[in-house]
């Protein structure tokens, strides 16, 4: 018969799990002790998403040139999904067009930026910047659920959102690539891209 002390010194598997917070910890966002949170392993950091979103919403603030060192696609995917849902509720089910324009625009901007800049930028960061800067257009999409944009108010609001998105995206691109003297050249194709999203918001719909 084993001594009582030896039994207590060897905890069961269930006891080790309980000492780390219970079996349900595996399904939470914190993970086990000593391991990174699940959301961090998936590349989702709400702190970074918040910082980048605030940068887009306040384009007049000075942009940190290292803001895209930790580029991610979690925020852009959320914004694209919200944009598509808002258009769906306003009678414009355009998910295919949204992702098609986004993919073609990201590839085009990636090519142009690498031709214009000596530093270069990868496709991942290009898509991340364009996705985050879609945020003002998402707001227009939400407004389109309640108000028809095919009028003077809608045209003015859409133009404002295009300028907002373009200004934010071009500002981040020139800050990251250190090409401030070429900002207008960067803003022109960027504005065309967001103009396509604006056309989907105002005119495209079911008949």
N, C-alpha and C. Protein backbone atom coordinates (compact mmCIF):
# COMPACT_ATOMS: atom_id res chain seq x y z
N UNK A 1 0.86 -1.21 0.00
CA UNK A 1 0.00 0.00 0.00
C UNK A 1 0.87 1.23 0.00
N UNK A 2 0.62 2.14 -0.93
CA UNK A 2 1.46 3.33 -1.07
C UNK A 2 1.19 4.28 0.06
N UNK A 3 2.21 5.01 0.49
CA UNK A 3 2.03 5.99 1.56
C UNK A 3 1.08 7.09 1.11
N UNK A 4 0.43 7.66 2.14
CA UNK A 4 -0.53 8.72 1.84
C UNK A 4 0.14 9.92 1.18
N UNK A 5 1.37 10.20 1.54
CA UNK A 5 2.07 11.36 0.98
C UNK A 5 2.33 11.23 -0.49
N UNK A 6 2.61 9.96 -0.95
CA UNK A 6 2.89 9.77 -2.36
C UNK A 6 1.65 9.97 -3.20
N UNK A 7 0.47 9.65 -2.64
CA UNK A 7 -0.77 9.86 -3.38
C UNK A 7 -1.04 11.34 -3.58
N UNK A 8 -0.83 12.12 -2.57
CA UNK A 8 -1.07 13.57 -2.66
C UNK A 8 -0.05 14.25 -3.53
N UNK A 9 1.14 13.67 -3.68
CA UNK A 9 2.19 14.35 -4.44
C UNK A 9 2.02 14.19 -5.93
N UNK A 10 1.14 13.28 -6.38
CA UNK A 10 0.95 13.07 -7.81
C UNK A 10 -0.48 13.42 -8.19
N UNK A 11 -0.77 14.68 -8.56
CA UNK A 11 -2.13 15.11 -8.87
C UNK A 11 -2.61 14.47 -10.15
N UNK A 12 -3.90 14.26 -10.22
CA UNK A 12 -4.50 13.68 -11.42
C UNK A 12 -4.54 14.69 -12.54
N UNK A 13 -4.89 14.19 -13.76
CA UNK A 13 -4.98 15.09 -14.92
C UNK A 13 -6.03 16.15 -14.70
N UNK A 14 -7.16 15.74 -14.12
CA UNK A 14 -8.22 16.71 -13.85
C UNK A 14 -7.78 17.76 -12.87
N UNK A 15 -6.95 17.33 -11.86
CA UNK A 15 -6.47 18.32 -10.90
C UNK A 15 -5.56 19.34 -11.53
N UNK A 16 -4.71 18.90 -12.50
CA UNK A 16 -3.79 19.84 -13.15
C UNK A 16 -4.55 20.84 -13.99
N UNK A 17 -5.66 20.36 -14.62
CA UNK A 17 -6.47 21.28 -15.41
C UNK A 17 -7.16 22.29 -14.51
N UNK A 18 -7.66 21.81 -13.36
CA UNK A 18 -8.34 22.72 -12.46
C UNK A 18 -7.41 23.76 -11.90
N UNK A 19 -6.13 23.37 -11.67
CA UNK A 19 -5.18 24.34 -11.14
C UNK A 19 -4.87 25.43 -12.13
N UNK A 20 -5.16 25.17 -13.43
CA UNK A 20 -4.90 26.19 -14.45
C UNK A 20 -6.18 26.93 -14.85
N UNK A 21 -7.26 26.67 -14.14
CA UNK A 21 -8.47 27.43 -14.40
C UNK A 21 -9.62 26.60 -14.91
N UNK A 22 -9.49 25.27 -15.07
CA UNK A 22 -10.59 24.43 -15.52
C UNK A 22 -10.48 24.10 -17.00
N UNK A 23 -11.19 23.01 -17.39
CA UNK A 23 -11.12 22.56 -18.79
C UNK A 23 -11.71 23.58 -19.74
N UNK A 24 -12.63 24.40 -19.25
CA UNK A 24 -13.27 25.38 -20.12
C UNK A 24 -12.31 26.49 -20.57
N UNK A 25 -11.14 26.56 -19.94
CA UNK A 25 -10.16 27.58 -20.32
C UNK A 25 -9.71 27.40 -21.76
N UNK A 26 -9.74 26.16 -22.25
CA UNK A 26 -9.30 25.90 -23.62
C UNK A 26 -10.21 26.55 -24.64
N UNK A 27 -11.47 26.85 -24.25
CA UNK A 27 -12.42 27.45 -25.17
C UNK A 27 -12.54 28.95 -24.99
N UNK A 28 -11.77 29.54 -24.09
CA UNK A 28 -11.80 30.98 -23.88
C UNK A 28 -10.76 31.68 -24.71
N UNK A 29 -10.64 32.99 -24.48
CA UNK A 29 -9.68 33.80 -25.22
C UNK A 29 -8.35 33.93 -24.49
N UNK A 30 -8.30 33.49 -23.22
CA UNK A 30 -7.08 33.64 -22.45
C UNK A 30 -6.08 32.52 -22.65
N UNK A 31 -6.57 31.30 -22.96
CA UNK A 31 -5.67 30.17 -23.12
C UNK A 31 -5.16 29.68 -21.78
N UNK A 32 -4.26 28.71 -21.82
CA UNK A 32 -3.67 28.18 -20.61
C UNK A 32 -2.54 29.09 -20.13
N UNK A 33 -2.11 28.85 -18.92
CA UNK A 33 -1.04 29.65 -18.33
C UNK A 33 0.25 29.47 -19.12
N UNK A 34 0.89 30.57 -19.47
CA UNK A 34 2.13 30.51 -20.23
C UNK A 34 1.94 30.46 -21.73
N UNK A 35 0.70 30.40 -22.20
CA UNK A 35 0.43 30.37 -23.63
C UNK A 35 -0.24 31.68 -24.05
N UNK A 36 0.00 32.13 -25.30
CA UNK A 36 -0.64 33.36 -25.75
C UNK A 36 -2.14 33.17 -25.91
N UNK A 37 -2.94 34.23 -25.80
CA UNK A 37 -4.40 34.11 -25.97
C UNK A 37 -4.75 33.59 -27.36
N UNK A 38 -5.92 32.98 -27.46
CA UNK A 38 -6.35 32.38 -28.71
C UNK A 38 -6.48 33.42 -29.82
N UNK A 39 -7.06 34.60 -29.49
CA UNK A 39 -7.23 35.63 -30.49
C UNK A 39 -5.88 36.13 -31.01
N UNK A 40 -4.88 36.18 -30.13
CA UNK A 40 -3.55 36.61 -30.55
C UNK A 40 -2.94 35.59 -31.50
N UNK A 41 -3.18 34.29 -31.23
CA UNK A 41 -2.66 33.27 -32.12
C UNK A 41 -3.34 33.33 -33.49
N UNK A 42 -4.59 33.78 -33.51
CA UNK A 42 -5.32 33.91 -34.78
C UNK A 42 -5.00 35.22 -35.49
N UNK A 43 -4.18 36.06 -34.90
CA UNK A 43 -3.82 37.33 -35.52
C UNK A 43 -4.84 38.43 -35.30
N UNK A 44 -5.68 38.29 -34.27
CA UNK A 44 -6.72 39.29 -33.98
C UNK A 44 -6.33 40.02 -32.72
N UNK A 45 -6.03 41.29 -32.85
CA UNK A 45 -5.65 42.13 -31.71
C UNK A 45 -6.54 43.36 -31.73
N UNK A 46 -7.52 43.39 -30.83
CA UNK A 46 -8.49 44.48 -30.83
C UNK A 46 -7.85 45.82 -30.47
N UNK A 47 -6.75 45.78 -29.73
CA UNK A 47 -6.04 47.02 -29.43
C UNK A 47 -5.47 47.65 -30.69
N UNK A 48 -4.84 46.83 -31.55
CA UNK A 48 -4.29 47.34 -32.80
C UNK A 48 -5.41 47.80 -33.74
N UNK A 49 -6.51 47.04 -33.78
CA UNK A 49 -7.63 47.44 -34.63
C UNK A 49 -8.17 48.79 -34.19
N UNK A 50 -8.24 49.01 -32.90
CA UNK A 50 -8.75 50.29 -32.38
C UNK A 50 -7.82 51.44 -32.76
N UNK A 51 -6.51 51.25 -32.60
CA UNK A 51 -5.55 52.31 -32.91
C UNK A 51 -5.62 52.69 -34.39
N UNK A 52 -5.66 51.69 -35.27
CA UNK A 52 -5.69 51.97 -36.70
C UNK A 52 -7.02 52.58 -37.13
N UNK A 53 -8.11 52.15 -36.49
CA UNK A 53 -9.41 52.72 -36.81
C UNK A 53 -9.47 54.19 -36.41
N UNK A 54 -8.91 54.52 -35.24
CA UNK A 54 -8.89 55.91 -34.80
C UNK A 54 -8.01 56.76 -35.70
N UNK A 55 -6.94 56.18 -36.23
CA UNK A 55 -6.08 56.90 -37.18
C UNK A 55 -6.85 57.25 -38.44
N UNK A 56 -7.70 56.34 -38.90
CA UNK A 56 -8.50 56.60 -40.10
C UNK A 56 -9.58 57.63 -39.79
N UNK A 57 -10.20 57.54 -38.63
CA UNK A 57 -11.28 58.47 -38.28
C UNK A 57 -10.77 59.87 -37.98
N UNK A 58 -9.47 60.01 -37.69
CA UNK A 58 -8.88 61.33 -37.45
C UNK A 58 -7.68 61.50 -38.38
N UNK A 59 -7.93 61.72 -39.68
CA UNK A 59 -6.83 61.75 -40.64
C UNK A 59 -5.91 62.96 -40.50
N UNK A 60 -6.33 63.97 -39.72
CA UNK A 60 -5.51 65.17 -39.58
C UNK A 60 -4.38 64.98 -38.57
N UNK A 61 -4.44 63.94 -37.76
CA UNK A 61 -3.37 63.69 -36.80
C UNK A 61 -2.14 63.17 -37.52
N UNK A 62 -0.98 63.35 -36.91
CA UNK A 62 0.26 62.86 -37.50
C UNK A 62 0.29 61.34 -37.47
N UNK A 63 0.64 60.75 -38.59
CA UNK A 63 0.61 59.29 -38.73
C UNK A 63 1.98 58.72 -38.42
N UNK A 64 2.01 57.71 -37.58
CA UNK A 64 3.25 57.02 -37.24
C UNK A 64 3.70 56.18 -38.44
N UNK A 65 4.94 56.36 -38.86
CA UNK A 65 5.44 55.62 -40.02
C UNK A 65 5.54 54.13 -39.78
N UNK A 66 5.45 53.69 -38.51
CA UNK A 66 5.55 52.28 -38.17
C UNK A 66 4.19 51.68 -37.82
N UNK A 67 3.11 52.37 -38.21
CA UNK A 67 1.78 51.91 -37.83
C UNK A 67 1.43 50.58 -38.48
N UNK A 68 2.01 50.30 -39.64
CA UNK A 68 1.71 49.06 -40.34
C UNK A 68 2.78 47.99 -40.16
N UNK A 69 3.64 48.15 -39.15
CA UNK A 69 4.61 47.09 -38.86
C UNK A 69 3.92 45.82 -38.39
N UNK A 70 2.75 45.99 -37.78
CA UNK A 70 1.97 44.84 -37.32
C UNK A 70 0.67 44.75 -38.11
N UNK A 71 0.79 44.85 -39.42
CA UNK A 71 -0.38 44.83 -40.29
C UNK A 71 -1.18 43.55 -40.10
N UNK A 72 -2.49 43.68 -40.20
CA UNK A 72 -3.37 42.53 -40.06
C UNK A 72 -4.55 42.70 -41.01
N UNK A 73 -5.28 41.62 -41.24
CA UNK A 73 -6.46 41.65 -42.09
C UNK A 73 -7.74 41.41 -41.30
N UNK A 74 -7.63 41.27 -39.98
CA UNK A 74 -8.82 41.04 -39.17
C UNK A 74 -9.76 42.24 -39.24
N UNK A 75 -9.21 43.44 -39.01
CA UNK A 75 -10.02 44.65 -39.08
C UNK A 75 -10.63 44.87 -40.46
N UNK A 76 -9.84 44.81 -41.54
CA UNK A 76 -10.41 44.98 -42.88
C UNK A 76 -11.51 43.98 -43.21
N UNK A 77 -11.35 42.72 -42.81
CA UNK A 77 -12.39 41.72 -43.08
C UNK A 77 -13.67 42.08 -42.34
N UNK A 78 -13.55 42.55 -41.11
CA UNK A 78 -14.72 42.97 -40.35
C UNK A 78 -15.41 44.14 -41.04
N UNK A 79 -14.62 45.12 -41.50
CA UNK A 79 -15.20 46.30 -42.15
C UNK A 79 -15.85 45.94 -43.48
N UNK A 80 -15.20 45.06 -44.25
CA UNK A 80 -15.79 44.64 -45.52
C UNK A 80 -17.11 43.89 -45.27
N UNK A 81 -17.12 43.06 -44.24
CA UNK A 81 -18.34 42.32 -43.93
C UNK A 81 -19.46 43.27 -43.50
N UNK A 82 -19.14 44.24 -42.64
CA UNK A 82 -20.14 45.22 -42.22
C UNK A 82 -20.64 46.05 -43.39
N UNK A 83 -19.74 46.40 -44.31
CA UNK A 83 -20.12 47.16 -45.50
C UNK A 83 -21.09 46.35 -46.35
N UNK A 84 -20.78 45.07 -46.56
CA UNK A 84 -21.66 44.22 -47.35
C UNK A 84 -23.02 44.02 -46.69
N UNK A 85 -23.03 43.83 -45.36
CA UNK A 85 -24.29 43.64 -44.64
C UNK A 85 -25.16 44.90 -44.73
N UNK A 86 -24.54 46.07 -44.60
CA UNK A 86 -25.31 47.32 -44.68
C UNK A 86 -25.92 47.51 -46.06
N UNK A 87 -25.17 47.16 -47.11
CA UNK A 87 -25.73 47.25 -48.46
C UNK A 87 -26.84 46.22 -48.67
N UNK A 88 -26.68 45.06 -48.05
CA UNK A 88 -27.72 44.02 -48.15
C UNK A 88 -29.03 44.51 -47.55
N UNK A 89 -28.95 45.17 -46.40
CA UNK A 89 -30.15 45.67 -45.74
C UNK A 89 -30.79 46.84 -46.50
N UNK A 90 -29.98 47.52 -47.31
CA UNK A 90 -30.53 48.61 -48.11
C UNK A 90 -30.97 48.14 -49.50
N UNK A 91 -31.01 46.83 -49.72
CA UNK A 91 -31.49 46.28 -50.98
C UNK A 91 -30.44 46.17 -52.05
N UNK A 92 -29.16 46.10 -51.66
CA UNK A 92 -28.06 46.00 -52.63
C UNK A 92 -27.15 44.83 -52.25
N UNK A 93 -27.55 43.60 -52.56
CA UNK A 93 -26.71 42.44 -52.20
C UNK A 93 -25.51 42.32 -53.13
N UNK A 94 -24.41 42.97 -52.76
CA UNK A 94 -23.26 43.08 -53.66
C UNK A 94 -21.99 42.50 -53.05
N UNK A 95 -22.08 41.41 -52.32
CA UNK A 95 -20.89 40.84 -51.68
C UNK A 95 -19.83 40.47 -52.72
N UNK A 96 -20.25 39.88 -53.82
CA UNK A 96 -19.29 39.49 -54.85
C UNK A 96 -18.57 40.68 -55.44
N UNK A 97 -19.31 41.76 -55.73
CA UNK A 97 -18.69 42.96 -56.27
C UNK A 97 -17.74 43.59 -55.27
N UNK A 98 -18.13 43.59 -53.99
CA UNK A 98 -17.30 44.22 -52.96
C UNK A 98 -15.95 43.52 -52.86
N UNK A 99 -15.97 42.21 -52.75
CA UNK A 99 -14.71 41.47 -52.62
C UNK A 99 -13.93 41.47 -53.94
N UNK A 100 -14.65 41.49 -55.07
CA UNK A 100 -13.96 41.56 -56.36
C UNK A 100 -13.24 42.88 -56.55
N UNK A 101 -13.93 43.99 -56.25
CA UNK A 101 -13.31 45.31 -56.35
C UNK A 101 -12.17 45.44 -55.34
N UNK A 102 -12.37 44.91 -54.14
CA UNK A 102 -11.32 44.98 -53.13
C UNK A 102 -10.07 44.22 -53.54
N UNK A 103 -10.26 43.02 -54.11
CA UNK A 103 -9.11 42.22 -54.54
C UNK A 103 -8.39 42.88 -55.70
N UNK A 104 -9.15 43.31 -56.71
CA UNK A 104 -8.53 43.96 -57.87
C UNK A 104 -7.84 45.27 -57.47
N UNK A 105 -8.48 46.03 -56.59
CA UNK A 105 -7.89 47.29 -56.14
C UNK A 105 -6.62 47.09 -55.34
N UNK A 106 -6.61 46.06 -54.49
CA UNK A 106 -5.41 45.79 -53.68
C UNK A 106 -4.23 45.38 -54.56
N UNK A 107 -4.51 44.51 -55.54
CA UNK A 107 -3.43 44.09 -56.45
C UNK A 107 -2.93 45.27 -57.27
N UNK A 108 -3.83 46.12 -57.74
CA UNK A 108 -3.44 47.28 -58.55
C UNK A 108 -2.61 48.26 -57.72
N UNK A 109 -3.06 48.56 -56.50
CA UNK A 109 -2.32 49.49 -55.66
C UNK A 109 -0.98 48.91 -55.25
N UNK A 110 -0.93 47.61 -54.99
CA UNK A 110 0.35 46.97 -54.66
C UNK A 110 1.34 47.14 -55.81
N UNK A 111 0.87 46.95 -57.03
CA UNK A 111 1.75 47.09 -58.19
C UNK A 111 2.21 48.53 -58.37
N UNK A 112 1.28 49.48 -58.27
CA UNK A 112 1.63 50.89 -58.45
C UNK A 112 2.59 51.39 -57.38
N UNK A 113 2.32 51.04 -56.13
CA UNK A 113 3.17 51.52 -55.03
C UNK A 113 4.59 50.97 -55.13
N UNK A 114 4.73 49.74 -55.56
CA UNK A 114 6.07 49.18 -55.71
C UNK A 114 6.80 49.75 -56.92
N UNK A 115 6.07 50.23 -57.90
CA UNK A 115 6.71 50.91 -59.03
C UNK A 115 7.12 52.33 -58.67
N UNK A 116 6.39 52.95 -57.76
CA UNK A 116 6.64 54.35 -57.41
C UNK A 116 7.63 54.51 -56.26
N UNK A 117 7.75 53.50 -55.42
CA UNK A 117 8.56 53.64 -54.21
C UNK A 117 9.81 52.78 -54.28
N UNK A 118 10.90 53.29 -53.73
CA UNK A 118 12.13 52.52 -53.65
C UNK A 118 12.10 51.51 -52.51
N UNK A 119 11.36 51.83 -51.45
CA UNK A 119 11.28 50.93 -50.29
C UNK A 119 10.42 49.71 -50.59
N UNK A 120 9.31 49.92 -51.28
CA UNK A 120 8.42 48.83 -51.60
C UNK A 120 7.50 48.47 -50.44
N UNK A 121 6.43 47.78 -50.75
CA UNK A 121 5.45 47.37 -49.74
C UNK A 121 4.89 46.02 -50.17
N UNK A 122 4.58 45.18 -49.22
CA UNK A 122 4.05 43.86 -49.58
C UNK A 122 2.53 43.93 -49.75
N UNK A 123 1.97 42.92 -50.39
CA UNK A 123 0.54 42.90 -50.70
C UNK A 123 -0.29 42.84 -49.43
N UNK A 124 0.21 42.19 -48.39
CA UNK A 124 -0.52 42.06 -47.13
C UNK A 124 -0.77 43.43 -46.51
N UNK A 125 0.27 44.26 -46.45
CA UNK A 125 0.11 45.59 -45.85
C UNK A 125 -0.74 46.50 -46.75
N UNK A 126 -0.63 46.34 -48.05
CA UNK A 126 -1.44 47.13 -48.96
C UNK A 126 -2.92 46.87 -48.73
N UNK A 127 -3.29 45.60 -48.66
CA UNK A 127 -4.69 45.24 -48.42
C UNK A 127 -5.15 45.70 -47.04
N UNK A 128 -4.25 45.66 -46.06
CA UNK A 128 -4.61 46.09 -44.71
C UNK A 128 -4.93 47.58 -44.68
N UNK A 129 -4.10 48.39 -45.31
CA UNK A 129 -4.34 49.84 -45.33
C UNK A 129 -5.65 50.16 -46.05
N UNK A 130 -5.85 49.58 -47.22
CA UNK A 130 -7.06 49.86 -47.99
C UNK A 130 -8.31 49.40 -47.23
N UNK A 131 -8.20 48.28 -46.52
CA UNK A 131 -9.35 47.79 -45.77
C UNK A 131 -9.69 48.67 -44.58
N UNK A 132 -8.69 49.09 -43.83
CA UNK A 132 -8.95 49.96 -42.68
C UNK A 132 -9.52 51.31 -43.13
N UNK A 133 -9.03 51.83 -44.23
CA UNK A 133 -9.48 53.14 -44.69
C UNK A 133 -10.84 53.08 -45.36
N UNK A 134 -11.44 51.90 -45.47
CA UNK A 134 -12.81 51.78 -45.95
C UNK A 134 -13.82 52.18 -44.88
N UNK A 135 -13.38 52.41 -43.66
CA UNK A 135 -14.27 52.65 -42.54
C UNK A 135 -15.26 53.79 -42.78
N UNK A 136 -14.86 54.96 -43.31
CA UNK A 136 -15.87 56.00 -43.59
C UNK A 136 -16.94 55.54 -44.58
N UNK A 137 -16.57 54.71 -45.54
CA UNK A 137 -17.54 54.20 -46.50
C UNK A 137 -18.52 53.24 -45.82
N UNK A 138 -18.06 52.54 -44.80
CA UNK A 138 -18.95 51.68 -44.03
C UNK A 138 -20.03 52.52 -43.35
N UNK A 139 -19.63 53.68 -42.85
CA UNK A 139 -20.61 54.59 -42.26
C UNK A 139 -21.66 55.05 -43.26
N UNK A 140 -21.23 55.32 -44.48
CA UNK A 140 -22.18 55.70 -45.53
C UNK A 140 -23.12 54.54 -45.84
N UNK A 141 -22.58 53.32 -45.85
CA UNK A 141 -23.42 52.15 -46.08
C UNK A 141 -24.49 52.00 -45.01
N UNK A 142 -24.14 52.27 -43.76
CA UNK A 142 -25.12 52.20 -42.69
C UNK A 142 -26.20 53.27 -42.84
N UNK A 143 -25.80 54.45 -43.28
CA UNK A 143 -26.78 55.52 -43.50
C UNK A 143 -27.72 55.16 -44.64
N UNK A 144 -27.19 54.45 -45.65
CA UNK A 144 -28.03 54.07 -46.80
C UNK A 144 -29.14 53.11 -46.42
N UNK A 145 -29.02 52.45 -45.27
CA UNK A 145 -30.10 51.57 -44.80
C UNK A 145 -31.33 52.39 -44.44
N UNK A 146 -31.10 53.60 -43.92
CA UNK A 146 -32.21 54.44 -43.45
C UNK A 146 -32.60 55.52 -44.44
N UNK A 147 -31.64 55.99 -45.25
CA UNK A 147 -31.89 57.11 -46.15
C UNK A 147 -31.43 56.72 -47.55
N UNK A 148 -32.25 57.01 -48.56
CA UNK A 148 -31.86 56.77 -49.95
C UNK A 148 -30.78 57.78 -50.35
N UNK A 149 -29.70 57.27 -50.92
CA UNK A 149 -28.57 58.14 -51.28
C UNK A 149 -28.62 58.61 -52.72
N UNK A 150 -29.63 58.21 -53.47
CA UNK A 150 -29.73 58.63 -54.87
C UNK A 150 -30.36 60.02 -54.96
N UNK A 151 -29.63 61.01 -54.45
CA UNK A 151 -30.09 62.40 -54.43
C UNK A 151 -28.94 63.31 -54.05
N UNK A 152 -29.25 64.58 -53.89
CA UNK A 152 -28.20 65.56 -53.60
C UNK A 152 -27.48 65.25 -52.30
N UNK A 153 -28.26 64.93 -51.26
CA UNK A 153 -27.64 64.61 -49.97
C UNK A 153 -26.73 63.39 -50.09
N UNK A 154 -27.22 62.38 -50.77
CA UNK A 154 -26.42 61.16 -50.93
C UNK A 154 -25.16 61.40 -51.73
N UNK A 155 -25.24 62.20 -52.77
CA UNK A 155 -24.05 62.49 -53.59
C UNK A 155 -23.00 63.24 -52.78
N UNK A 156 -23.45 64.25 -52.02
CA UNK A 156 -22.50 65.01 -51.21
C UNK A 156 -21.87 64.14 -50.13
N UNK A 157 -22.68 63.32 -49.48
CA UNK A 157 -22.17 62.45 -48.43
C UNK A 157 -21.18 61.43 -49.00
N UNK A 158 -21.50 60.90 -50.17
CA UNK A 158 -20.62 59.92 -50.79
C UNK A 158 -19.30 60.55 -51.23
N UNK A 159 -19.37 61.75 -51.78
CA UNK A 159 -18.13 62.45 -52.16
C UNK A 159 -17.25 62.71 -50.95
N UNK A 160 -17.90 63.10 -49.84
CA UNK A 160 -17.14 63.34 -48.61
C UNK A 160 -16.46 62.06 -48.13
N UNK A 161 -17.16 60.94 -48.21
CA UNK A 161 -16.57 59.67 -47.77
C UNK A 161 -15.42 59.25 -48.68
N UNK A 162 -15.55 59.51 -49.99
CA UNK A 162 -14.45 59.19 -50.92
C UNK A 162 -13.20 60.00 -50.57
N UNK A 163 -13.40 61.30 -50.33
CA UNK A 163 -12.27 62.15 -49.97
C UNK A 163 -11.65 61.72 -48.64
N UNK A 164 -12.51 61.35 -47.70
CA UNK A 164 -12.04 60.91 -46.38
C UNK A 164 -11.20 59.64 -46.50
N UNK A 165 -11.76 58.64 -47.20
CA UNK A 165 -11.03 57.38 -47.38
C UNK A 165 -9.72 57.60 -48.12
N UNK A 166 -9.77 58.41 -49.17
CA UNK A 166 -8.58 58.66 -49.99
C UNK A 166 -7.51 59.38 -49.19
N UNK A 167 -7.91 60.39 -48.44
CA UNK A 167 -6.95 61.16 -47.64
C UNK A 167 -6.28 60.27 -46.59
N UNK A 168 -7.08 59.42 -45.94
CA UNK A 168 -6.51 58.56 -44.90
C UNK A 168 -5.56 57.52 -45.50
N UNK A 169 -5.99 56.88 -46.58
CA UNK A 169 -5.16 55.83 -47.18
C UNK A 169 -3.87 56.39 -47.77
N UNK A 170 -3.98 57.51 -48.49
CA UNK A 170 -2.78 58.09 -49.07
C UNK A 170 -1.82 58.58 -47.99
N UNK A 171 -2.39 59.10 -46.89
CA UNK A 171 -1.53 59.54 -45.78
C UNK A 171 -0.76 58.41 -45.16
N UNK A 172 -1.41 57.27 -44.97
CA UNK A 172 -0.72 56.11 -44.39
C UNK A 172 0.32 55.56 -45.36
N UNK A 173 -0.02 55.49 -46.63
CA UNK A 173 0.92 54.97 -47.62
C UNK A 173 2.19 55.82 -47.70
N UNK A 174 2.02 57.13 -47.77
CA UNK A 174 3.20 57.99 -47.90
C UNK A 174 4.01 58.02 -46.61
N UNK A 175 3.34 57.83 -45.46
CA UNK A 175 4.08 57.79 -44.19
C UNK A 175 4.89 56.51 -44.08
N UNK A 176 4.30 55.40 -44.48
CA UNK A 176 5.01 54.12 -44.39
C UNK A 176 6.13 54.04 -45.41
N UNK A 177 5.88 54.54 -46.62
CA UNK A 177 6.86 54.44 -47.71
C UNK A 177 7.78 55.65 -47.82
N UNK A 178 7.52 56.68 -46.97
CA UNK A 178 8.33 57.90 -46.98
C UNK A 178 8.41 58.51 -48.38
N UNK A 179 7.24 58.81 -48.92
CA UNK A 179 7.16 59.40 -50.26
C UNK A 179 6.13 60.53 -50.25
N UNK A 180 6.28 61.45 -49.30
CA UNK A 180 5.31 62.52 -49.11
C UNK A 180 5.19 63.42 -50.34
N UNK A 181 6.25 63.56 -51.11
CA UNK A 181 6.20 64.42 -52.29
C UNK A 181 5.35 63.81 -53.41
N UNK A 182 5.00 62.56 -53.30
CA UNK A 182 4.20 61.88 -54.32
C UNK A 182 2.79 61.57 -53.83
N UNK A 183 2.33 62.31 -52.84
CA UNK A 183 1.03 61.98 -52.24
C UNK A 183 -0.11 62.12 -53.24
N UNK A 184 -0.10 63.13 -54.08
CA UNK A 184 -1.17 63.29 -55.06
C UNK A 184 -1.19 62.14 -56.05
N UNK A 185 -0.01 61.65 -56.42
CA UNK A 185 0.06 60.51 -57.33
C UNK A 185 -0.49 59.24 -56.68
N UNK A 186 -0.31 59.14 -55.36
CA UNK A 186 -0.86 57.99 -54.64
C UNK A 186 -2.36 58.15 -54.44
N UNK A 187 -2.79 59.39 -54.19
CA UNK A 187 -4.20 59.64 -53.89
C UNK A 187 -5.10 59.42 -55.10
N UNK A 188 -4.58 59.66 -56.31
CA UNK A 188 -5.44 59.55 -57.51
C UNK A 188 -5.97 58.13 -57.71
N UNK A 189 -5.13 57.10 -57.82
CA UNK A 189 -5.68 55.74 -57.98
C UNK A 189 -6.45 55.27 -56.74
N UNK A 190 -6.04 55.74 -55.56
CA UNK A 190 -6.75 55.36 -54.34
C UNK A 190 -8.17 55.91 -54.36
N UNK A 191 -8.31 57.15 -54.82
CA UNK A 191 -9.64 57.74 -54.94
C UNK A 191 -10.52 57.02 -55.94
N UNK A 192 -9.92 56.56 -57.04
CA UNK A 192 -10.69 55.79 -58.02
C UNK A 192 -11.22 54.49 -57.41
N UNK A 193 -10.41 53.86 -56.59
CA UNK A 193 -10.83 52.61 -55.95
C UNK A 193 -12.02 52.84 -55.02
N UNK A 194 -11.90 53.84 -54.16
CA UNK A 194 -13.01 54.11 -53.24
C UNK A 194 -14.22 54.67 -53.98
N UNK A 195 -13.99 55.28 -55.13
CA UNK A 195 -15.11 55.72 -55.95
C UNK A 195 -15.94 54.54 -56.44
N UNK A 196 -15.28 53.42 -56.72
CA UNK A 196 -16.00 52.20 -57.13
C UNK A 196 -16.88 51.70 -56.00
N UNK A 197 -16.37 51.72 -54.78
CA UNK A 197 -17.18 51.32 -53.64
C UNK A 197 -18.36 52.27 -53.46
N UNK A 198 -18.12 53.56 -53.71
CA UNK A 198 -19.20 54.53 -53.58
C UNK A 198 -20.30 54.29 -54.61
N UNK A 199 -19.92 53.93 -55.83
CA UNK A 199 -20.92 53.61 -56.85
C UNK A 199 -21.78 52.43 -56.43
N UNK A 200 -21.17 51.41 -55.80
CA UNK A 200 -21.92 50.28 -55.30
C UNK A 200 -22.90 50.72 -54.22
N UNK A 201 -22.50 51.70 -53.44
CA UNK A 201 -23.33 52.16 -52.32
C UNK A 201 -24.54 52.94 -52.83
N UNK A 202 -24.35 53.76 -53.84
CA UNK A 202 -25.41 54.68 -54.26
C UNK A 202 -26.32 54.06 -55.31
N UNK A 203 -25.73 53.45 -56.36
CA UNK A 203 -26.52 53.10 -57.54
C UNK A 203 -26.85 51.62 -57.65
N UNK A 204 -25.95 50.74 -57.27
CA UNK A 204 -26.17 49.32 -57.53
C UNK A 204 -27.25 48.77 -56.62
N UNK A 205 -28.13 47.98 -57.19
CA UNK A 205 -29.20 47.39 -56.42
C UNK A 205 -30.01 46.45 -57.26
N UNK A 206 -30.95 45.80 -56.65
CA UNK A 206 -31.81 44.86 -57.36
C UNK A 206 -32.90 45.61 -58.09
N UNK A 207 -33.32 45.08 -59.22
CA UNK A 207 -34.37 45.71 -60.00
C UNK A 207 -35.55 44.76 -60.13
